[in-house]
Amino acid sequence: MLDPETKRELRRLAHPLKPLVQIGRQGATPAAIANIDRALTDHALIKVKFNDHKTHKQQLSQEIADATDADIVDIIGNTLILHRA
């Protein structure tokens, strides 16, 4: 769990980043989760864009975070910011 100050700093660092993974029509498939896991291994802080399933993004975000052992920094619009130390 991230404290508020750490979240604020991670949001600042994530601001210029482009989404590395996009969640489309099929949702959080095992392949999408594998891509997110790989991106977190390479970068530690990433953005994930929801192109579809926008109404379920809170639930999907938690599923993705649990599956990748990452922390949700924030969900801004349809973009999820994830961090894994």
PDB file of N, CA and C in Angstrom:
ATOM      1  N   MET A   1       0.835  -1.187   0.000  1.00  0.00           N
ATOM      2  CA  MET A   1       0.000   0.000   0.000  1.00  0.00           C
ATOM      3  C   MET A   1       0.879   1.250   0.000  1.00  0.00           C
ATOM      4  N   LEU A   2       0.547   2.171  -0.850  1.00  0.00           N
ATOM      5  CA  LEU A   2       1.333   3.396  -1.000  1.00  0.00           C
ATOM      6  C   LEU A   2       0.756   4.509  -0.127  1.00  0.00           C
ATOM      7  N   ASP A   3       1.624   5.271   0.509  1.00  0.00           N
ATOM      8  CA  ASP A   3       1.159   6.412   1.295  1.00  0.00           C
ATOM      9  C   ASP A   3       0.851   7.582   0.351  1.00  0.00           C
ATOM     10  N   PRO A   4       0.079   8.561   0.807  1.00  0.00           N
ATOM     11  CA  PRO A   4      -0.334   9.679  -0.063  1.00  0.00           C
ATOM     12  C   PRO A   4       0.819  10.460  -0.697  1.00  0.00           C
ATOM     13  N   GLU A   5       1.895  10.657   0.055  1.00  0.00           N
ATOM     14  CA  GLU A   5       3.032  11.403  -0.504  1.00  0.00           C
ATOM     15  C   GLU A   5       3.697  10.632  -1.638  1.00  0.00           C
ATOM     16  N   THR A   6       3.832   9.328  -1.464  1.00  0.00           N
ATOM     17  CA  THR A   6       4.425   8.495  -2.510  1.00  0.00           C
ATOM     18  C   THR A   6       3.535   8.484  -3.740  1.00  0.00           C
ATOM     19  N   LYS A   7       2.225   8.375  -3.532  1.00  0.00           N
ATOM     20  CA  LYS A   7       1.289   8.398  -4.668  1.00  0.00           C
ATOM     21  C   LYS A   7       1.402   9.706  -5.441  1.00  0.00           C
ATOM     22  N   ARG A   8       1.488  10.814  -4.715  1.00  0.00           N
ATOM     23  CA  ARG A   8       1.596  12.125  -5.364  1.00  0.00           C
ATOM     24  C   ARG A   8       2.862  12.195  -6.215  1.00  0.00           C
ATOM     25  N   GLU A   9       3.972  11.698  -5.675  1.00  0.00           N
ATOM     26  CA  GLU A   9       5.235  11.708  -6.414  1.00  0.00           C
ATOM     27  C   GLU A   9       5.165  10.792  -7.641  1.00  0.00           C
ATOM     28  N   LEU A  10       4.563   9.618  -7.490  1.00  0.00           N
ATOM     29  CA  LEU A  10       4.438   8.691  -8.621  1.00  0.00           C
ATOM     30  C   LEU A  10       3.517   9.258  -9.703  1.00  0.00           C
ATOM     31  N   ARG A  11       2.447   9.935  -9.306  1.00  0.00           N
ATOM     32  CA  ARG A  11       1.572  10.593 -10.297  1.00  0.00           C
ATOM     33  C   ARG A  11       2.350  11.638 -11.083  1.00  0.00           C
ATOM     34  N   ARG A  12       3.196  12.395 -10.379  1.00  0.00           N
ATOM     35  CA  ARG A  12       4.019  13.416 -11.043  1.00  0.00           C
ATOM     36  C   ARG A  12       4.966  12.763 -12.041  1.00  0.00           C
ATOM     37  N   LEU A  13       5.594  11.670 -11.634  1.00  0.00           N
ATOM     38  CA  LEU A  13       6.528  10.978 -12.522  1.00  0.00           C
ATOM     39  C   LEU A  13       5.814  10.318 -13.701  1.00  0.00           C
ATOM     40  N   ALA A  14       4.568   9.899 -13.507  1.00  0.00           N
ATOM     41  CA  ALA A  14       3.823   9.218 -14.561  1.00  0.00           C
ATOM     42  C   ALA A  14       3.209  10.184 -15.572  1.00  0.00           C
ATOM     43  N   HIS A  15       3.088  11.443 -15.208  1.00  0.00           N
ATOM     44  CA  HIS A  15       2.414  12.405 -16.076  1.00  0.00           C
ATOM     45  C   HIS A  15       2.904  12.392 -17.530  1.00  0.00           C
ATOM     46  N   PRO A  16       4.204  12.438 -17.801  1.00  0.00           N
ATOM     47  CA  PRO A  16       4.641  12.476 -19.204  1.00  0.00           C
ATOM     48  C   PRO A  16       4.636  11.111 -19.907  1.00  0.00           C
ATOM     49  N   LEU A  17       4.374  10.040 -19.170  1.00  0.00           N
ATOM     50  CA  LEU A  17       4.434   8.703 -19.769  1.00  0.00           C
ATOM     51  C   LEU A  17       3.256   8.442 -20.705  1.00  0.00           C
ATOM     52  N   LYS A  18       3.503   7.646 -21.719  1.00  0.00           N
ATOM     53  CA  LYS A  18       2.454   7.178 -22.630  1.00  0.00           C
ATOM     54  C   LYS A  18       1.991   5.807 -22.149  1.00  0.00           C
ATOM     55  N   PRO A  19       0.701   5.464 -22.356  1.00  0.00           N
ATOM     56  CA  PRO A  19       0.246   4.122 -21.977  1.00  0.00           C
ATOM     57  C   PRO A  19       1.004   3.040 -22.757  1.00  0.00           C
ATOM     58  N   LEU A  20       1.518   2.044 -22.035  1.00  0.00           N
ATOM     59  CA  LEU A  20       2.278   0.967 -22.659  1.00  0.00           C
ATOM     60  C   LEU A  20       1.389  -0.205 -23.059  1.00  0.00           C
ATOM     61  N   VAL A  21       0.253  -0.364 -22.375  1.00  0.00           N
ATOM     62  CA  VAL A  21      -0.662  -1.469 -22.651  1.00  0.00           C
ATOM     63  C   VAL A  21      -2.063  -0.896 -22.751  1.00  0.00           C
ATOM     64  N   GLN A  22      -2.843  -1.446 -23.672  1.00  0.00           N
ATOM     65  CA  GLN A  22      -4.230  -1.022 -23.828  1.00  0.00           C
ATOM     66  C   GLN A  22      -5.147  -2.211 -23.584  1.00  0.00           C
ATOM     67  N   ILE A  23      -6.218  -1.961 -22.845  1.00  0.00           N
ATOM     68  CA  ILE A  23      -7.217  -2.985 -22.577  1.00  0.00           C
ATOM     69  C   ILE A  23      -8.364  -2.752 -23.553  1.00  0.00           C
ATOM     70  N   GLY A  24      -8.591  -3.732 -24.407  1.00  0.00           N
ATOM     71  CA  GLY A  24      -9.608  -3.593 -25.447  1.00  0.00           C
ATOM     72  C   GLY A  24     -10.863  -4.383 -25.157  1.00  0.00           C
ATOM     73  N   ARG A  25     -11.514  -4.794 -26.220  1.00  0.00           N
ATOM     74  CA  ARG A  25     -12.808  -5.471 -26.169  1.00  0.00           C
ATOM     75  C   ARG A  25     -12.801  -6.723 -25.298  1.00  0.00           C
ATOM     76  N   GLN A  26     -11.687  -7.451 -25.302  1.00  0.00           N
ATOM     77  CA  GLN A  26     -11.635  -8.728 -24.592  1.00  0.00           C
ATOM     78  C   GLN A  26     -11.312  -8.575 -23.110  1.00  0.00           C
ATOM     79  N   GLY A  27     -11.012  -7.392 -22.668  1.00  0.00           N
ATOM     80  CA  GLY A  27     -10.754  -7.152 -21.255  1.00  0.00           C
ATOM     81  C   GLY A  27      -9.350  -7.540 -20.832  1.00  0.00           C
ATOM     82  N   ALA A  28      -9.235  -7.852 -19.556  1.00  0.00           N
ATOM     83  CA  ALA A  28      -7.925  -8.192 -18.977  1.00  0.00           C
ATOM     84  C   ALA A  28      -7.636  -9.672 -19.218  1.00  0.00           C
ATOM     85  N   THR A  29      -7.264  -9.995 -20.427  1.00  0.00           N
ATOM     86  CA  THR A  29      -6.956 -11.371 -20.800  1.00  0.00           C
ATOM     87  C   THR A  29      -5.614 -11.785 -20.189  1.00  0.00           C
ATOM     88  N   PRO A  30      -5.334 -13.069 -20.127  1.00  0.00           N
ATOM     89  CA  PRO A  30      -4.015 -13.498 -19.633  1.00  0.00           C
ATOM     90  C   PRO A  30      -2.864 -12.885 -20.432  1.00  0.00           C
ATOM     91  N   ALA A  31      -3.053 -12.705 -21.722  1.00  0.00           N
ATOM     92  CA  ALA A  31      -2.003 -12.089 -22.544  1.00  0.00           C
ATOM     93  C   ALA A  31      -1.803 -10.622 -22.155  1.00  0.00           C
ATOM     94  N   ALA A  32      -2.888  -9.893 -21.910  1.00  0.00           N
ATOM     95  CA  ALA A  32      -2.786  -8.491 -21.510  1.00  0.00           C
ATOM     96  C   ALA A  32      -2.104  -8.382 -20.149  1.00  0.00           C
ATOM     97  N   ILE A  33      -2.471  -9.266 -19.234  1.00  0.00           N
ATOM     98  CA  ILE A  33      -1.851  -9.250 -17.910  1.00  0.00           C
ATOM     99  C   ILE A  33      -0.366  -9.594 -18.016  1.00  0.00           C
ATOM    100  N   ALA A  34      -0.010 -10.533 -18.894  1.00  0.00           N
ATOM    101  CA  ALA A  34       1.402 -10.866 -19.106  1.00  0.00           C
ATOM    102  C   ALA A  34       2.164  -9.667 -19.658  1.00  0.00           C
ATOM    103  N   ASN A  35       1.548  -8.917 -20.578  1.00  0.00           N
ATOM    104  CA  ASN A  35       2.185  -7.709 -21.125  1.00  0.00           C
ATOM    105  C   ASN A  35       2.378  -6.656 -20.036  1.00  0.00           C
ATOM    106  N   ILE A  36       1.377  -6.493 -19.184  1.00  0.00           N
ATOM    107  CA  ILE A  36       1.470  -5.527 -18.090  1.00  0.00           C
ATOM    108  C   ILE A  36       2.572  -5.949 -17.121  1.00  0.00           C
ATOM    109  N   ASP A  37       2.630  -7.240 -16.802  1.00  0.00           N
ATOM    110  CA  ASP A  37       3.654  -7.757 -15.902  1.00  0.00           C
ATOM    111  C   ASP A  37       5.050  -7.511 -16.469  1.00  0.00           C
ATOM    112  N   ARG A  38       5.213  -7.761 -17.758  1.00  0.00           N
ATOM    113  CA  ARG A  38       6.501  -7.538 -18.427  1.00  0.00           C
ATOM    114  C   ARG A  38       6.865  -6.055 -18.411  1.00  0.00           C
ATOM    115  N   ALA A  39       5.881  -5.194 -18.677  1.00  0.00           N
ATOM    116  CA  ALA A  39       6.132  -3.748 -18.681  1.00  0.00           C
ATOM    117  C   ALA A  39       6.515  -3.265 -17.285  1.00  0.00           C
ATOM    118  N   LEU A  40       5.873  -3.807 -16.256  1.00  0.00           N
ATOM    119  CA  LEU A  40       6.221  -3.421 -14.887  1.00  0.00           C
ATOM    120  C   LEU A  40       7.626  -3.881 -14.520  1.00  0.00           C
ATOM    121  N   THR A  41       8.020  -5.033 -15.018  1.00  0.00           N
ATOM    122  CA  THR A  41       9.375  -5.531 -14.769  1.00  0.00           C
ATOM    123  C   THR A  41      10.400  -4.604 -15.416  1.00  0.00           C
ATOM    124  N   ASP A  42      10.072  -4.127 -16.619  1.00  0.00           N
ATOM    125  CA  ASP A  42      11.001  -3.254 -17.342  1.00  0.00           C
ATOM    126  C   ASP A  42      11.014  -1.824 -16.820  1.00  0.00           C
ATOM    127  N   HIS A  43       9.845  -1.309 -16.397  1.00  0.00           N
ATOM    128  CA  HIS A  43       9.736   0.127 -16.112  1.00  0.00           C
ATOM    129  C   HIS A  43       9.345   0.495 -14.686  1.00  0.00           C
ATOM    130  N   ALA A  44       8.743  -0.394 -13.917  1.00  0.00           N
ATOM    131  CA  ALA A  44       8.287  -0.169 -12.538  1.00  0.00           C
ATOM    132  C   ALA A  44       7.077   0.765 -12.432  1.00  0.00           C
ATOM    133  N   LEU A  45       6.951   1.748 -13.300  1.00  0.00           N
ATOM    134  CA  LEU A  45       5.820   2.680 -13.291  1.00  0.00           C
ATOM    135  C   LEU A  45       5.275   2.757 -14.712  1.00  0.00           C
ATOM    136  N   ILE A  46       4.006   2.356 -14.883  1.00  0.00           N
ATOM    137  CA  ILE A  46       3.426   2.344 -16.235  1.00  0.00           C
ATOM    138  C   ILE A  46       1.998   2.878 -16.217  1.00  0.00           C
ATOM    139  N   LYS A  47       1.533   3.184 -17.419  1.00  0.00           N
ATOM    140  CA  LYS A  47       0.136   3.541 -17.625  1.00  0.00           C
ATOM    141  C   LYS A  47      -0.521   2.463 -18.476  1.00  0.00           C
ATOM    142  N   VAL A  48      -1.788   2.174 -18.152  1.00  0.00           N
ATOM    143  CA  VAL A  48      -2.598   1.222 -18.907  1.00  0.00           C
ATOM    144  C   VAL A  48      -3.862   1.961 -19.333  1.00  0.00           C
ATOM    145  N   LYS A  49      -4.165   1.922 -20.606  1.00  0.00           N
ATOM    146  CA  LYS A  49      -5.318   2.643 -21.160  1.00  0.00           C
ATOM    147  C   LYS A  49      -6.487   1.684 -21.346  1.00  0.00           C
ATOM    148  N   PHE A  50      -7.671   2.082 -20.883  1.00  0.00           N
ATOM    149  CA  PHE A  50      -8.893   1.310 -21.098  1.00  0.00           C
ATOM    150  C   PHE A  50      -9.598   1.867 -22.324  1.00  0.00           C
ATOM    151  N   ASN A  51      -9.584   1.110 -23.428  1.00  0.00           N
ATOM    152  CA  ASN A  51     -10.312   1.512 -24.626  1.00  0.00           C
ATOM    153  C   ASN A  51     -11.765   1.039 -24.556  1.00  0.00           C
ATOM    154  N   ASP A  52     -11.984  -0.104 -23.935  1.00  0.00           N
ATOM    155  CA  ASP A  52     -13.315  -0.659 -23.707  1.00  0.00           C
ATOM    156  C   ASP A  52     -13.415  -0.996 -22.223  1.00  0.00           C
ATOM    157  N   HIS A  53     -14.577  -1.447 -21.803  1.00  0.00           N
ATOM    158  CA  HIS A  53     -14.821  -1.817 -20.406  1.00  0.00           C
ATOM    159  C   HIS A  53     -14.617  -0.630 -19.473  1.00  0.00           C
ATOM    160  N   LYS A  54     -14.927   0.548 -19.948  1.00  0.00           N
ATOM    161  CA  LYS A  54     -14.683   1.751 -19.154  1.00  0.00           C
ATOM    162  C   LYS A  54     -15.550   1.787 -17.894  1.00  0.00           C
ATOM    163  N   THR A  55     -16.743   1.176 -17.960  1.00  0.00           N
ATOM    164  CA  THR A  55     -17.609   1.170 -16.786  1.00  0.00           C
ATOM    165  C   THR A  55     -17.124   0.198 -15.715  1.00  0.00           C
ATOM    166  N   HIS A  56     -16.272  -0.751 -16.081  1.00  0.00           N
ATOM    167  CA  HIS A  56     -15.745  -1.735 -15.139  1.00  0.00           C
ATOM    168  C   HIS A  56     -14.275  -1.509 -14.827  1.00  0.00           C
ATOM    169  N   LYS A  57     -13.770  -0.324 -15.100  1.00  0.00           N
ATOM    170  CA  LYS A  57     -12.330  -0.095 -14.962  1.00  0.00           C
ATOM    171  C   LYS A  57     -11.846  -0.210 -13.518  1.00  0.00           C
ATOM    172  N   GLN A  58     -12.689   0.133 -12.533  1.00  0.00           N
ATOM    173  CA  GLN A  58     -12.270  -0.002 -11.135  1.00  0.00           C
ATOM    174  C   GLN A  58     -12.013  -1.467 -10.794  1.00  0.00           C
ATOM    175  N   GLN A  59     -12.968  -2.321 -11.156  1.00  0.00           N
ATOM    176  CA  GLN A  59     -12.853  -3.756 -10.877  1.00  0.00           C
ATOM    177  C   GLN A  59     -11.690  -4.374 -11.653  1.00  0.00           C
ATOM    178  N   LEU A  60     -11.596  -4.043 -12.944  1.00  0.00           N
ATOM    179  CA  LEU A  60     -10.506  -4.582 -13.763  1.00  0.00           C
ATOM    180  C   LEU A  60      -9.148  -4.102 -13.260  1.00  0.00           C
ATOM    181  N   SER A  61      -9.077  -2.862 -12.823  1.00  0.00           N
ATOM    182  CA  SER A  61      -7.812  -2.324 -12.308  1.00  0.00           C
ATOM    183  C   SER A  61      -7.349  -3.114 -11.093  1.00  0.00           C
ATOM    184  N   GLN A  62      -8.278  -3.434 -10.203  1.00  0.00           N
ATOM    185  CA  GLN A  62      -7.914  -4.201  -9.016  1.00  0.00           C
ATOM    186  C   GLN A  62      -7.486  -5.615  -9.390  1.00  0.00           C
ATOM    187  N   GLU A  63      -8.174  -6.220 -10.358  1.00  0.00           N
ATOM    188  CA  GLU A  63      -7.797  -7.559 -10.821  1.00  0.00           C
ATOM    189  C   GLU A  63      -6.391  -7.550 -11.422  1.00  0.00           C
ATOM    190  N   ILE A  64      -6.103  -6.527 -12.228  1.00  0.00           N
ATOM    191  CA  ILE A  64      -4.778  -6.403 -12.851  1.00  0.00           C
ATOM    192  C   ILE A  64      -3.706  -6.206 -11.778  1.00  0.00           C
ATOM    193  N   ALA A  65      -3.978  -5.322 -10.818  1.00  0.00           N
ATOM    194  CA  ALA A  65      -3.007  -5.062  -9.746  1.00  0.00           C
ATOM    195  C   ALA A  65      -2.743  -6.328  -8.935  1.00  0.00           C
ATOM    196  N   ASP A  66      -3.795  -7.073  -8.621  1.00  0.00           N
ATOM    197  CA  ASP A  66      -3.616  -8.312  -7.862  1.00  0.00           C
ATOM    198  C   ASP A  66      -2.825  -9.342  -8.656  1.00  0.00           C
ATOM    199  N   ALA A  67      -3.131  -9.463  -9.950  1.00  0.00           N
ATOM    200  CA  ALA A  67      -2.476 -10.471 -10.792  1.00  0.00           C
ATOM    201  C   ALA A  67      -1.000 -10.162 -11.025  1.00  0.00           C
ATOM    202  N   THR A  68      -0.634  -8.884 -10.993  1.00  0.00           N
ATOM    203  CA  THR A  68       0.752  -8.495 -11.276  1.00  0.00           C
ATOM    204  C   THR A  68       1.528  -8.100 -10.020  1.00  0.00           C
ATOM    205  N   ASP A  69       0.887  -8.203  -8.855  1.00  0.00           N
ATOM    206  CA  ASP A  69       1.511  -7.835  -7.591  1.00  0.00           C
ATOM    207  C   ASP A  69       1.984  -6.382  -7.630  1.00  0.00           C
ATOM    208  N   ALA A  70       1.111  -5.508  -8.159  1.00  0.00           N
ATOM    209  CA  ALA A  70       1.438  -4.088  -8.296  1.00  0.00           C
ATOM    210  C   ALA A  70       0.487  -3.252  -7.444  1.00  0.00           C
ATOM    211  N   ASP A  71       0.832  -1.996  -7.259  1.00  0.00           N
ATOM    212  CA  ASP A  71      -0.021  -1.049  -6.540  1.00  0.00           C
ATOM    213  C   ASP A  71      -0.676  -0.109  -7.532  1.00  0.00           C
ATOM    214  N   ILE A  72      -1.950   0.185  -7.307  1.00  0.00           N
ATOM    215  CA  ILE A  72      -2.643   1.181  -8.117  1.00  0.00           C
ATOM    216  C   ILE A  72      -2.259   2.550  -7.570  1.00  0.00           C
ATOM    217  N   VAL A  73      -1.642   3.351  -8.414  1.00  0.00           N
ATOM    218  CA  VAL A  73      -1.283   4.710  -8.016  1.00  0.00           C
ATOM    219  C   VAL A  73      -2.504   5.600  -8.163  1.00  0.00           C
ATOM    220  N   ASP A  74      -3.179   5.503  -9.310  1.00  0.00           N
ATOM    221  CA  ASP A  74      -4.363   6.319  -9.569  1.00  0.00           C
ATOM    222  C   ASP A  74      -5.052   5.830 -10.828  1.00  0.00           C
ATOM    223  N   ILE A  75      -6.308   6.199 -10.967  1.00  0.00           N
ATOM    224  CA  ILE A  75      -7.048   6.000 -12.210  1.00  0.00           C
ATOM    225  C   ILE A  75      -7.527   7.385 -12.614  1.00  0.00           C
ATOM    226  N   ILE A  76      -6.991   7.881 -13.717  1.00  0.00           N
ATOM    227  CA  ILE A  76      -7.327   9.219 -14.194  1.00  0.00           C
ATOM    228  C   ILE A  76      -8.032   9.043 -15.533  1.00  0.00           C
ATOM    229  N   GLY A  77      -9.304   9.410 -15.583  1.00  0.00           N
ATOM    230  CA  GLY A  77     -10.081   9.195 -16.803  1.00  0.00           C
ATOM    231  C   GLY A  77     -10.154   7.712 -17.080  1.00  0.00           C
ATOM    232  N   ASN A  78      -9.664   7.299 -18.225  1.00  0.00           N
ATOM    233  CA  ASN A  78      -9.649   5.891 -18.600  1.00  0.00           C
ATOM    234  C   ASN A  78      -8.229   5.326 -18.588  1.00  0.00           C
ATOM    235  N   THR A  79      -7.373   5.929 -17.775  1.00  0.00           N
ATOM    236  CA  THR A  79      -5.974   5.500 -17.701  1.00  0.00           C
ATOM    237  C   THR A  79      -5.636   5.086 -16.275  1.00  0.00           C
ATOM    238  N   LEU A  80      -5.078   3.911 -16.158  1.00  0.00           N
ATOM    239  CA  LEU A  80      -4.643   3.348 -14.886  1.00  0.00           C
ATOM    240  C   LEU A  80      -3.135   3.549 -14.762  1.00  0.00           C
ATOM    241  N   ILE A  81      -2.695   4.014 -13.602  1.00  0.00           N
ATOM    242  CA  ILE A  81      -1.272   4.127 -13.317  1.00  0.00           C
ATOM    243  C   ILE A  81      -0.914   3.055 -12.300  1.00  0.00           C
ATOM    244  N   LEU A  82       0.028   2.205 -12.672  1.00  0.00           N
ATOM    245  CA  LEU A  82       0.469   1.104 -11.823  1.00  0.00           C
ATOM    246  C   LEU A  82       1.947   1.259 -11.451  1.00  0.00           C
ATOM    247  N   HIS A  83       2.285   0.802 -10.247  1.00  0.00           N
ATOM    248  CA  HIS A  83       3.675   0.830  -9.791  1.00  0.00           C
ATOM    249  C   HIS A  83       3.981  -0.496  -9.110  1.00  0.00           C
ATOM    250  N   ARG A  84       5.171  -1.018  -9.381  1.00  0.00           N
ATOM    251  CA  ARG A  84       5.660  -2.191  -8.663  1.00  0.00           C
ATOM    252  C   ARG A  84       7.126  -1.956  -8.344  1.00  0.00           C
ATOM    253  N   ALA A  85       7.441  -2.035  -7.056  1.00  0.00           N
ATOM    254  CA  ALA A  85       8.814  -1.782  -6.608  1.00  0.00           C
ATOM    255  C   ALA A  85       9.751  -2.889  -7.060  1.00  0.00           C
TER     256      ALA A  85
END
